[in-house]
C-alpha cells in the first residue's frame, strides 16, 4: 500500500501572487477585511499569510487508528489535490490567528 505524501506551502498576502490567490480561494470580502501595513515599504499592502497543504504523491491516508473491533479508516488522495487552505495573521509572541480556513 502506498502512503500519500503532501507538503504545506505559504506566500505573503502582501505579494501580488498571494493577494490574487487569496481572492480566488476566499473571495474579495474576506481579503478586504484583513488589516493593512501602515508604515514602511509595505505601507498599504495587506497583512497576513496564505497557506495551503497539497498532495504531492497520491496514495492512502489513514484518518483514524485501528481498534480491536474495526480496521483503520482512511481515504485515497490524488496528486495536486488541496487538503486545506487557510489565511493566518502572525501574533507577536503567540500563536498565529486563523482568519479563514477551508478543508477539502
PDB file of N, CA and C in Angstrom:
ATOM      1  N   UNK A   1       0.842  -1.169   0.000  1.00  0.00           N
ATOM      2  CA  UNK A   1       0.000   0.000   0.000  1.00  0.00           C
ATOM      3  C   UNK A   1       0.893   1.240   0.000  1.00  0.00           C
ATOM      4  N   UNK A   2       0.604   2.161  -0.869  1.00  0.00           N
ATOM      5  CA  UNK A   2       1.365   3.397  -0.982  1.00  0.00           C
ATOM      6  C   UNK A   2       0.726   4.469  -0.104  1.00  0.00           C
ATOM      7  N   UNK A   3       1.540   5.135   0.677  1.00  0.00           N
ATOM      8  CA  UNK A   3       1.063   6.213   1.540  1.00  0.00           C
ATOM      9  C   UNK A   3       1.184   7.539   0.803  1.00  0.00           C
ATOM     10  N   UNK A   4       0.169   8.379   0.909  1.00  0.00           N
ATOM     11  CA  UNK A   4       0.169   9.682   0.260  1.00  0.00           C
ATOM     12  C   UNK A   4       1.222  10.587   0.883  1.00  0.00           C
ATOM     13  N   UNK A   5       1.807  11.440   0.079  1.00  0.00           N
ATOM     14  CA  UNK A   5       2.774  12.444   0.539  1.00  0.00           C
ATOM     15  C   UNK A   5       2.175  13.822   0.253  1.00  0.00           C
ATOM     16  N   UNK A   6       2.369  14.737   1.179  1.00  0.00           N
ATOM     17  CA  UNK A   6       1.870  16.088   0.956  1.00  0.00           C
ATOM     18  C   UNK A   6       2.803  17.083   1.608  1.00  0.00           C
ATOM     19  N   UNK A   7       2.661  18.356   1.189  1.00  0.00           N
ATOM     20  CA  UNK A   7       3.511  19.420   1.729  1.00  0.00           C
ATOM     21  C   UNK A   7       2.684  20.672   1.950  1.00  0.00           C
ATOM     22  N   UNK A   8       3.147  21.486   2.886  1.00  0.00           N
ATOM     23  CA  UNK A   8       2.493  22.749   3.191  1.00  0.00           C
ATOM     24  C   UNK A   8       3.349  23.883   2.641  1.00  0.00           C
ATOM     25  N   UNK A   9       2.705  24.780   1.923  1.00  0.00           N
ATOM     26  CA  UNK A   9       3.389  25.935   1.338  1.00  0.00           C
ATOM     27  C   UNK A   9       2.702  27.210   1.802  1.00  0.00           C
ATOM     28  N   UNK A  10       3.401  28.345   1.632  1.00  0.00           N
ATOM     29  CA  UNK A  10       2.826  29.623   2.047  1.00  0.00           C
ATOM     30  C   UNK A  10       3.364  30.758   1.182  1.00  0.00           C
ATOM     31  N   UNK A  11       2.620  31.846   1.181  1.00  0.00           N
ATOM     32  CA  UNK A  11       3.034  33.062   0.497  1.00  0.00           C
ATOM     33  C   UNK A  11       2.443  34.250   1.252  1.00  0.00           C
ATOM     34  N   UNK A  12       3.168  35.371   1.319  1.00  0.00           N
ATOM     35  CA  UNK A  12       2.592  36.549   1.981  1.00  0.00           C
ATOM     36  C   UNK A  12       1.468  37.129   1.115  1.00  0.00           C
ATOM     37  N   UNK A  13       0.412  37.559   1.749  1.00  0.00           N
ATOM     38  CA  UNK A  13      -0.690  38.161   1.005  1.00  0.00           C
ATOM     39  C   UNK A  13      -0.279  39.536   0.476  1.00  0.00           C
ATOM     40  N   UNK A  14       0.778  40.103   1.022  1.00  0.00           N
ATOM     41  CA  UNK A  14       1.281  41.396   0.540  1.00  0.00           C
ATOM     42  C   UNK A  14       1.847  41.284  -0.881  1.00  0.00           C
ATOM     43  N   UNK A  15       2.179  40.063  -1.329  1.00  0.00           N
ATOM     44  CA  UNK A  15       2.671  39.895  -2.701  1.00  0.00           C
ATOM     45  C   UNK A  15       1.477  39.847  -3.658  1.00  0.00           C
ATOM     46  N   UNK A  16       1.730  40.179  -4.904  1.00  0.00           N
ATOM     47  CA  UNK A  16       0.668  40.164  -5.904  1.00  0.00           C
ATOM     48  C   UNK A  16       0.107  38.741  -6.071  1.00  0.00           C
ATOM     49  N   UNK A  17       1.009  37.753  -6.119  1.00  0.00           N
ATOM     50  CA  UNK A  17       0.593  36.355  -6.238  1.00  0.00           C
ATOM     51  C   UNK A  17      -0.287  35.945  -5.058  1.00  0.00           C
ATOM     52  N   UNK A  18       0.147  36.276  -3.841  1.00  0.00           N
ATOM     53  CA  UNK A  18      -0.597  35.903  -2.642  1.00  0.00           C
ATOM     54  C   UNK A  18      -1.966  36.548  -2.566  1.00  0.00           C
ATOM     55  N   UNK A  19      -2.037  37.827  -2.906  1.00  0.00           N
ATOM     56  CA  UNK A  19      -3.325  38.522  -2.866  1.00  0.00           C
ATOM     57  C   UNK A  19      -4.293  37.954  -3.906  1.00  0.00           C
ATOM     58  N   UNK A  20      -3.804  37.729  -5.124  1.00  0.00           N
ATOM     59  CA  UNK A  20      -4.671  37.181  -6.173  1.00  0.00           C
ATOM     60  C   UNK A  20      -5.186  35.789  -5.810  1.00  0.00           C
ATOM     61  N   UNK A  21      -4.310  34.946  -5.265  1.00  0.00           N
ATOM     62  CA  UNK A  21      -4.711  33.597  -4.884  1.00  0.00           C
ATOM     63  C   UNK A  21      -5.686  33.618  -3.710  1.00  0.00           C
ATOM     64  N   UNK A  22      -5.458  34.495  -2.732  1.00  0.00           N
ATOM     65  CA  UNK A  22      -6.365  34.621  -1.585  1.00  0.00           C
ATOM     66  C   UNK A  22      -7.752  35.078  -2.047  1.00  0.00           C
ATOM     67  N   UNK A  23      -7.795  36.004  -2.988  1.00  0.00           N
ATOM     68  CA  UNK A  23      -9.087  36.469  -3.509  1.00  0.00           C
ATOM     69  C   UNK A  23      -9.797  35.362  -4.282  1.00  0.00           C
ATOM     70  N   UNK A  24      -9.033  34.568  -5.012  1.00  0.00           N
ATOM     71  CA  UNK A  24      -9.612  33.454  -5.773  1.00  0.00           C
ATOM     72  C   UNK A  24     -10.207  32.403  -4.836  1.00  0.00           C
ATOM     73  N   UNK A  25      -9.482  32.035  -3.783  1.00  0.00           N
ATOM     74  CA  UNK A  25      -9.907  30.976  -2.883  1.00  0.00           C
ATOM     75  C   UNK A  25     -10.936  31.417  -1.847  1.00  0.00           C
ATOM     76  N   UNK A  26     -10.836  32.653  -1.342  1.00  0.00           N
ATOM     77  CA  UNK A  26     -11.689  33.080  -0.235  1.00  0.00           C
ATOM     78  C   UNK A  26     -12.618  34.239  -0.575  1.00  0.00           C
ATOM     79  N   UNK A  27     -12.429  34.874  -1.703  1.00  0.00           N
ATOM     80  CA  UNK A  27     -13.301  35.967  -2.110  1.00  0.00           C
ATOM     81  C   UNK A  27     -12.800  37.335  -1.655  1.00  0.00           C
ATOM     82  N   UNK A  28     -13.295  38.356  -2.331  1.00  0.00           N
ATOM     83  CA  UNK A  28     -12.884  39.728  -2.054  1.00  0.00           C
ATOM     84  C   UNK A  28     -13.296  40.182  -0.655  1.00  0.00           C
ATOM     85  N   UNK A  29     -14.455  39.741  -0.194  1.00  0.00           N
ATOM     86  CA  UNK A  29     -14.961  40.195   1.095  1.00  0.00           C
ATOM     87  C   UNK A  29     -14.022  39.815   2.241  1.00  0.00           C
ATOM     88  N   UNK A  30     -13.518  38.593   2.236  1.00  0.00           N
ATOM     89  CA  UNK A  30     -12.612  38.129   3.299  1.00  0.00           C
ATOM     90  C   UNK A  30     -11.278  38.880   3.224  1.00  0.00           C
ATOM     91  N   UNK A  31     -10.725  39.019   2.034  1.00  0.00           N
ATOM     92  CA  UNK A  31      -9.420  39.670   1.866  1.00  0.00           C
ATOM     93  C   UNK A  31      -9.498  41.151   2.198  1.00  0.00           C
ATOM     94  N   UNK A  32     -10.584  41.811   1.825  1.00  0.00           N
ATOM     95  CA  UNK A  32     -10.724  43.245   2.104  1.00  0.00           C
ATOM     96  C   UNK A  32     -10.861  43.541   3.600  1.00  0.00           C
ATOM     97  N   UNK A  33     -11.277  42.558   4.403  1.00  0.00           N
ATOM     98  CA  UNK A  33     -11.396  42.756   5.855  1.00  0.00           C
ATOM     99  C   UNK A  33     -10.063  42.615   6.591  1.00  0.00           C
ATOM    100  N   UNK A  34      -9.032  42.121   5.909  1.00  0.00           N
ATOM    101  CA  UNK A  34      -7.729  41.939   6.549  1.00  0.00           C
ATOM    102  C   UNK A  34      -7.060  43.286   6.805  1.00  0.00           C
ATOM    103  N   UNK A  35      -6.257  43.386   7.873  1.00  0.00           N
ATOM    104  CA  UNK A  35      -5.556  44.644   8.152  1.00  0.00           C
ATOM    105  C   UNK A  35      -4.463  44.915   7.113  1.00  0.00           C
ATOM    106  N   UNK A  36      -4.056  46.167   7.045  1.00  0.00           N
ATOM    107  CA  UNK A  36      -3.012  46.574   6.094  1.00  0.00           C
ATOM    108  C   UNK A  36      -1.820  47.165   6.852  1.00  0.00           C
ATOM    109  N   UNK A  37      -0.658  47.081   6.214  1.00  0.00           N
ATOM    110  CA  UNK A  37       0.539  47.701   6.782  1.00  0.00           C
ATOM    111  C   UNK A  37       0.363  49.209   6.741  1.00  0.00           C
ATOM    112  N   UNK A  38       0.830  49.895   7.810  1.00  0.00           N
ATOM    113  CA  UNK A  38       0.678  51.342   7.918  1.00  0.00           C
ATOM    114  C   UNK A  38       1.980  52.058   7.588  1.00  0.00           C
ATOM    115  N   UNK A  39       3.123  51.496   7.980  1.00  0.00           N
ATOM    116  CA  UNK A  39       4.418  52.137   7.782  1.00  0.00           C
ATOM    117  C   UNK A  39       5.334  51.248   6.955  1.00  0.00           C
ATOM    118  N   UNK A  40       6.415  51.861   6.505  1.00  0.00           N
ATOM    119  CA  UNK A  40       7.463  51.096   5.845  1.00  0.00           C
ATOM    120  C   UNK A  40       7.223  50.877   4.364  1.00  0.00           C
ATOM    121  N   UNK A  41       8.048  49.999   3.796  1.00  0.00           N
ATOM    122  CA  UNK A  41       7.991  49.767   2.355  1.00  0.00           C
ATOM    123  C   UNK A  41       6.732  49.012   1.927  1.00  0.00           C
ATOM    124  N   UNK A  42       6.059  48.361   2.870  1.00  0.00           N
ATOM    125  CA  UNK A  42       4.831  47.621   2.548  1.00  0.00           C
ATOM    126  C   UNK A  42       3.569  48.411   2.893  1.00  0.00           C
ATOM    127  N   UNK A  43       3.695  49.711   3.162  1.00  0.00           N
ATOM    128  CA  UNK A  43       2.551  50.526   3.557  1.00  0.00           C
ATOM    129  C   UNK A  43       1.425  50.392   2.537  1.00  0.00           C
ATOM    130  N   UNK A  44       0.219  50.118   3.045  1.00  0.00           N
ATOM    131  CA  UNK A  44      -0.953  49.977   2.196  1.00  0.00           C
ATOM    132  C   UNK A  44      -1.212  48.552   1.722  1.00  0.00           C
ATOM    133  N   UNK A  45      -0.222  47.666   1.847  1.00  0.00           N
ATOM    134  CA  UNK A  45      -0.418  46.288   1.412  1.00  0.00           C
ATOM    135  C   UNK A  45      -1.071  45.472   2.531  1.00  0.00           C
ATOM    136  N   UNK A  46      -1.660  44.344   2.162  1.00  0.00           N
ATOM    137  CA  UNK A  46      -2.423  43.525   3.099  1.00  0.00           C
ATOM    138  C   UNK A  46      -1.493  42.661   3.940  1.00  0.00           C
ATOM    139  N   UNK A  47      -1.766  42.613   5.244  1.00  0.00           N
ATOM    140  CA  UNK A  47      -1.005  41.770   6.169  1.00  0.00           C
ATOM    141  C   UNK A  47      -1.535  40.336   6.110  1.00  0.00           C
ATOM    142  N   UNK A  48      -0.700  39.398   6.493  1.00  0.00           N
ATOM    143  CA  UNK A  48      -1.136  38.017   6.627  1.00  0.00           C
ATOM    144  C   UNK A  48      -0.436  37.081   5.667  1.00  0.00           C
ATOM    145  N   UNK A  49      -0.668  35.804   5.880  1.00  0.00           N
ATOM    146  CA  UNK A  49      -0.079  34.744   5.069  1.00  0.00           C
ATOM    147  C   UNK A  49      -1.171  33.827   4.562  1.00  0.00           C
ATOM    148  N   UNK A  50      -1.040  33.439   3.312  1.00  0.00           N
ATOM    149  CA  UNK A  50      -1.904  32.435   2.712  1.00  0.00           C
ATOM    150  C   UNK A  50      -1.133  31.126   2.748  1.00  0.00           C
ATOM    151  N   UNK A  51      -1.741  30.088   3.321  1.00  0.00           N
ATOM    152  CA  UNK A  51      -1.066  28.796   3.439  1.00  0.00           C
ATOM    153  C   UNK A  51      -1.970  27.702   2.885  1.00  0.00           C
ATOM    154  N   UNK A  52      -1.342  26.636   2.394  1.00  0.00           N
ATOM    155  CA  UNK A  52      -2.112  25.521   1.865  1.00  0.00           C
ATOM    156  C   UNK A  52      -1.313  24.236   1.982  1.00  0.00           C
ATOM    157  N   UNK A  53      -2.049  23.124   2.086  1.00  0.00           N
ATOM    158  CA  UNK A  53      -1.454  21.787   2.109  1.00  0.00           C
ATOM    159  C   UNK A  53      -1.926  21.076   0.849  1.00  0.00           C
ATOM    160  N   UNK A  54      -0.962  20.590   0.071  1.00  0.00           N
ATOM    161  CA  UNK A  54      -1.261  19.990  -1.229  1.00  0.00           C
ATOM    162  C   UNK A  54      -0.624  18.609  -1.318  1.00  0.00           C
ATOM    163  N   UNK A  55      -1.338  17.671  -1.938  1.00  0.00           N
ATOM    164  CA  UNK A  55      -0.835  16.311  -2.116  1.00  0.00           C
ATOM    165  C   UNK A  55       0.202  16.315  -3.233  1.00  0.00           C
ATOM    166  N   UNK A  56       1.402  15.793  -2.956  1.00  0.00           N
ATOM    167  CA  UNK A  56       2.456  15.724  -3.973  1.00  0.00           C
ATOM    168  C   UNK A  56       2.545  14.341  -4.594  1.00  0.00           C
ATOM    169  N   UNK A  57       2.151  13.313  -3.831  1.00  0.00           N
ATOM    170  CA  UNK A  57       2.151  11.940  -4.339  1.00  0.00           C
ATOM    171  C   UNK A  57       0.899  11.250  -3.813  1.00  0.00           C
ATOM    172  N   UNK A  58       0.096  10.735  -4.713  1.00  0.00           N
ATOM    173  CA  UNK A  58      -1.153  10.098  -4.332  1.00  0.00           C
ATOM    174  C   UNK A  58      -0.940   8.808  -3.556  1.00  0.00           C
ATOM    175  N   UNK A  59      -1.964   8.416  -2.820  1.00  0.00           N
ATOM    176  CA  UNK A  59      -1.905   7.188  -2.051  1.00  0.00           C
ATOM    177  C   UNK A  59      -2.921   7.209  -0.920  1.00  0.00           C
ATOM    178  N   UNK A  60      -2.724   6.332   0.041  1.00  0.00           N
ATOM    179  CA  UNK A  60      -3.640   6.168   1.160  1.00  0.00           C
ATOM    180  C   UNK A  60      -3.262   7.088   2.317  1.00  0.00           C
ATOM    181  N   UNK A  61      -4.270   7.694   2.939  1.00  0.00           N
ATOM    182  CA  UNK A  61      -4.056   8.482   4.153  1.00  0.00           C
ATOM    183  C   UNK A  61      -4.937   7.914   5.254  1.00  0.00           C
ATOM    184  N   UNK A  62      -4.320   7.493   6.336  1.00  0.00           N
ATOM    185  CA  UNK A  62      -5.066   6.974   7.478  1.00  0.00           C
ATOM    186  C   UNK A  62      -5.671   8.147   8.239  1.00  0.00           C
ATOM    187  N   UNK A  63      -6.941   8.025   8.589  1.00  0.00           N
ATOM    188  CA  UNK A  63      -7.639   9.094   9.310  1.00  0.00           C
ATOM    189  C   UNK A  63      -7.783   8.748  10.786  1.00  0.00           C
ATOM    190  N   UNK A  64      -8.147   7.500  11.082  1.00  0.00           N
ATOM    191  CA  UNK A  64      -8.327   7.090  12.478  1.00  0.00           C
ATOM    192  C   UNK A  64      -7.511   5.826  12.730  1.00  0.00           C
ATOM    193  N   UNK A  65      -6.988   5.662  13.919  1.00  0.00           N
ATOM    194  CA  UNK A  65      -6.227   4.440  14.214  1.00  0.00           C
ATOM    195  C   UNK A  65      -7.133   3.219  14.267  1.00  0.00           C
ATOM    196  N   UNK A  66      -6.558   2.077  13.996  1.00  0.00           N
ATOM    197  CA  UNK A  66      -7.312   0.823  14.056  1.00  0.00           C
ATOM    198  C   UNK A  66      -7.626   0.490  15.505  1.00  0.00           C
ATOM    199  N   UNK A  67      -8.797  -0.087  15.717  1.00  0.00           N
ATOM    200  CA  UNK A  67      -9.191  -0.546  17.045  1.00  0.00           C
ATOM    201  C   UNK A  67      -9.368  -2.061  16.983  1.00  0.00           C
ATOM    202  N   UNK A  68      -9.660  -2.672  18.122  1.00  0.00           N
ATOM    203  CA  UNK A  68      -9.822  -4.121  18.173  1.00  0.00           C
ATOM    204  C   UNK A  68     -11.033  -4.590  17.364  1.00  0.00           C
ATOM    205  N   UNK A  69     -12.049  -3.721  17.241  1.00  0.00           N
ATOM    206  CA  UNK A  69     -13.286  -4.116  16.571  1.00  0.00           C
ATOM    207  C   UNK A  69     -13.386  -3.655  15.116  1.00  0.00           C
ATOM    208  N   UNK A  70     -12.467  -2.820  14.657  1.00  0.00           N
ATOM    209  CA  UNK A  70     -12.592  -2.317  13.290  1.00  0.00           C
ATOM    210  C   UNK A  70     -11.214  -2.089  12.675  1.00  0.00           C
ATOM    211  N   UNK A  71     -11.199  -2.030  11.357  1.00  0.00           N
ATOM    212  CA  UNK A  71      -9.978  -1.682  10.637  1.00  0.00           C
ATOM    213  C   UNK A  71      -9.769  -0.178  10.720  1.00  0.00           C
ATOM    214  N   UNK A  72      -8.577   0.247  10.367  1.00  0.00           N
ATOM    215  CA  UNK A  72      -8.304   1.681  10.332  1.00  0.00           C
ATOM    216  C   UNK A  72      -9.100   2.314   9.201  1.00  0.00           C
ATOM    217  N   UNK A  73      -9.670   3.469   9.463  1.00  0.00           N
ATOM    218  CA  UNK A  73     -10.368   4.171   8.395  1.00  0.00           C
ATOM    219  C   UNK A  73      -9.413   5.151   7.734  1.00  0.00           C
ATOM    220  N   UNK A  74      -9.680   5.442   6.494  1.00  0.00           N
ATOM    221  CA  UNK A  74      -8.821   6.348   5.748  1.00  0.00           C
ATOM    222  C   UNK A  74      -9.449   6.720   4.438  1.00  0.00           C
ATOM    223  N   UNK A  75      -8.637   7.302   3.569  1.00  0.00           N
ATOM    224  CA  UNK A  75      -9.127   7.715   2.266  1.00  0.00           C
ATOM    225  C   UNK A  75      -7.982   7.704   1.269  1.00  0.00           C
ATOM    226  N   UNK A  76      -8.343   7.701   0.004  1.00  0.00           N
ATOM    227  CA  UNK A  76      -7.360   7.765  -1.069  1.00  0.00           C
ATOM    228  C   UNK A  76      -7.199   9.222  -1.477  1.00  0.00           C
ATOM    229  N   UNK A  77      -5.953   9.680  -1.571  1.00  0.00           N
ATOM    230  CA  UNK A  77      -5.660  11.042  -2.011  1.00  0.00           C
ATOM    231  C   UNK A  77      -4.996  10.994  -3.379  1.00  0.00           C
ATOM    232  N   UNK A  78      -5.260  12.013  -4.173  1.00  0.00           N
ATOM    233  CA  UNK A  78      -4.719  12.079  -5.527  1.00  0.00           C
ATOM    234  C   UNK A  78      -3.741  13.241  -5.642  1.00  0.00           C
ATOM    235  N   UNK A  79      -2.749  13.151  -6.542  1.00  0.00           N
ATOM    236  CA  UNK A  79      -1.784  14.244  -6.713  1.00  0.00           C
ATOM    237  C   UNK A  79      -2.487  15.555  -7.067  1.00  0.00           C
ATOM    238  N   UNK A  80      -1.905  16.655  -6.614  1.00  0.00           N
ATOM    239  CA  UNK A  80      -2.388  18.021  -6.847  1.00  0.00           C
ATOM    240  C   UNK A  80      -3.737  18.314  -6.204  1.00  0.00           C
ATOM    241  N   UNK A  81      -4.139  17.514  -5.253  1.00  0.00           N
ATOM    242  CA  UNK A  81      -5.371  17.746  -4.506  1.00  0.00           C
ATOM    243  C   UNK A  81      -5.026  18.615  -3.298  1.00  0.00           C
ATOM    244  N   UNK A  82      -5.835  19.649  -3.035  1.00  0.00           N
ATOM    245  CA  UNK A  82      -5.614  20.500  -1.864  1.00  0.00           C
ATOM    246  C   UNK A  82      -6.368  19.917  -0.675  1.00  0.00           C
ATOM    247  N   UNK A  83      -5.670  19.724   0.436  1.00  0.00           N
ATOM    248  CA  UNK A  83      -6.303  19.200   1.645  1.00  0.00           C
ATOM    249  C   UNK A  83      -6.850  20.324   2.518  1.00  0.00           C
ATOM    250  N   UNK A  84      -6.120  21.431   2.569  1.00  0.00           N
ATOM    251  CA  UNK A  84      -6.517  22.552   3.419  1.00  0.00           C
ATOM    252  C   UNK A  84      -5.941  23.844   2.856  1.00  0.00           C
ATOM    253  N   UNK A  85      -6.725  24.918   2.958  1.00  0.00           N
ATOM    254  CA  UNK A  85      -6.286  26.269   2.584  1.00  0.00           C
ATOM    255  C   UNK A  85      -6.689  27.184   3.728  1.00  0.00           C
ATOM    256  N   UNK A  86      -5.778  28.073   4.128  1.00  0.00           N
ATOM    257  CA  UNK A  86      -6.128  28.973   5.220  1.00  0.00           C
ATOM    258  C   UNK A  86      -5.332  30.278   5.144  1.00  0.00           C
ATOM    259  N   UNK A  87      -5.884  31.310   5.806  1.00  0.00           N
ATOM    260  CA  UNK A  87      -5.241  32.623   5.938  1.00  0.00           C
ATOM    261  C   UNK A  87      -4.959  32.813   7.414  1.00  0.00           C
ATOM    262  N   UNK A  88      -3.726  33.204   7.729  1.00  0.00           N
ATOM    263  CA  UNK A  88      -3.402  33.459   9.129  1.00  0.00           C
ATOM    264  C   UNK A  88      -2.659  34.770   9.286  1.00  0.00           C
ATOM    265  N   UNK A  89      -2.879  35.381  10.440  1.00  0.00           N
ATOM    266  CA  UNK A  89      -2.186  36.609  10.820  1.00  0.00           C
ATOM    267  C   UNK A  89      -1.222  36.271  11.947  1.00  0.00           C
ATOM    268  N   UNK A  90       0.057  36.615  11.797  1.00  0.00           N
ATOM    269  CA  UNK A  90       1.003  36.378  12.885  1.00  0.00           C
ATOM    270  C   UNK A  90       0.661  37.240  14.100  1.00  0.00           C
ATOM    271  N   UNK A  91       0.848  36.693  15.284  1.00  0.00           N
ATOM    272  CA  UNK A  91       0.630  37.418  16.538  1.00  0.00           C
ATOM    273  C   UNK A  91       1.969  37.455  17.262  1.00  0.00           C
ATOM    274  N   UNK A  92       2.414  38.652  17.596  1.00  0.00           N
ATOM    275  CA  UNK A  92       3.707  38.811  18.233  1.00  0.00           C
ATOM    276  C   UNK A  92       3.760  38.035  19.533  1.00  0.00           C
ATOM    277  N   UNK A  93       4.680  37.059  19.626  1.00  0.00           N
ATOM    278  CA  UNK A  93       4.872  36.281  20.837  1.00  0.00           C
ATOM    279  C   UNK A  93       3.799  35.237  21.101  1.00  0.00           C
ATOM    280  N   UNK A  94       2.968  34.935  20.112  1.00  0.00           N
ATOM    281  CA  UNK A  94       1.905  33.952  20.334  1.00  0.00           C
ATOM    282  C   UNK A  94       1.616  33.127  19.083  1.00  0.00           C
ATOM    283  N   UNK A  95       0.577  32.348  19.178  1.00  0.00           N
ATOM    284  CA  UNK A  95       0.151  31.525  18.055  1.00  0.00           C
ATOM    285  C   UNK A  95      -0.519  32.401  16.998  1.00  0.00           C
ATOM    286  N   UNK A  96      -0.317  32.092  15.714  1.00  0.00           N
ATOM    287  CA  UNK A  96      -0.985  32.884  14.670  1.00  0.00           C
ATOM    288  C   UNK A  96      -2.504  32.740  14.743  1.00  0.00           C
ATOM    289  N   UNK A  97      -3.188  33.793  14.356  1.00  0.00           N
ATOM    290  CA  UNK A  97      -4.652  33.800  14.350  1.00  0.00           C
ATOM    291  C   UNK A  97      -5.138  33.326  12.977  1.00  0.00           C
ATOM    292  N   UNK A  98      -5.981  32.311  12.948  1.00  0.00           N
ATOM    293  CA  UNK A  98      -6.543  31.802  11.703  1.00  0.00           C
ATOM    294  C   UNK A  98      -7.762  32.660  11.346  1.00  0.00           C
ATOM    295  N   UNK A  99      -7.709  33.304  10.188  1.00  0.00           N
ATOM    296  CA  UNK A  99      -8.777  34.197   9.751  1.00  0.00           C
ATOM    297  C   UNK A  99      -9.821  33.439   8.934  1.00  0.00           C
ATOM    298  N   UNK A 100      -9.377  32.628   8.010  1.00  0.00           N
ATOM    299  CA  UNK A 100     -10.267  31.844   7.153  1.00  0.00           C
ATOM    300  C   UNK A 100      -9.643  30.462   6.974  1.00  0.00           C
ATOM    301  N   UNK A 101     -10.470  29.438   6.911  1.00  0.00           N
ATOM    302  CA  UNK A 101      -9.960  28.072   6.825  1.00  0.00           C
ATOM    303  C   UNK A 101     -10.912  27.237   5.976  1.00  0.00           C
ATOM    304  N   UNK A 102     -10.360  26.512   5.015  1.00  0.00           N
ATOM    305  CA  UNK A 102     -11.149  25.614   4.167  1.00  0.00           C
ATOM    306  C   UNK A 102     -10.516  24.248   4.123  1.00  0.00           C
ATOM    307  N   UNK A 103     -11.246  23.254   4.554  1.00  0.00           N
ATOM    308  CA  UNK A 103     -10.795  21.865   4.450  1.00  0.00           C
ATOM    309  C   UNK A 103     -11.495  21.264   3.237  1.00  0.00           C
ATOM    310  N   UNK A 104     -10.768  20.417   2.496  1.00  0.00           N
ATOM    311  CA  UNK A 104     -11.403  19.786   1.337  1.00  0.00           C
ATOM    312  C   UNK A 104     -11.417  18.293   1.504  1.00  0.00           C
TER     313      UNK A 104
END
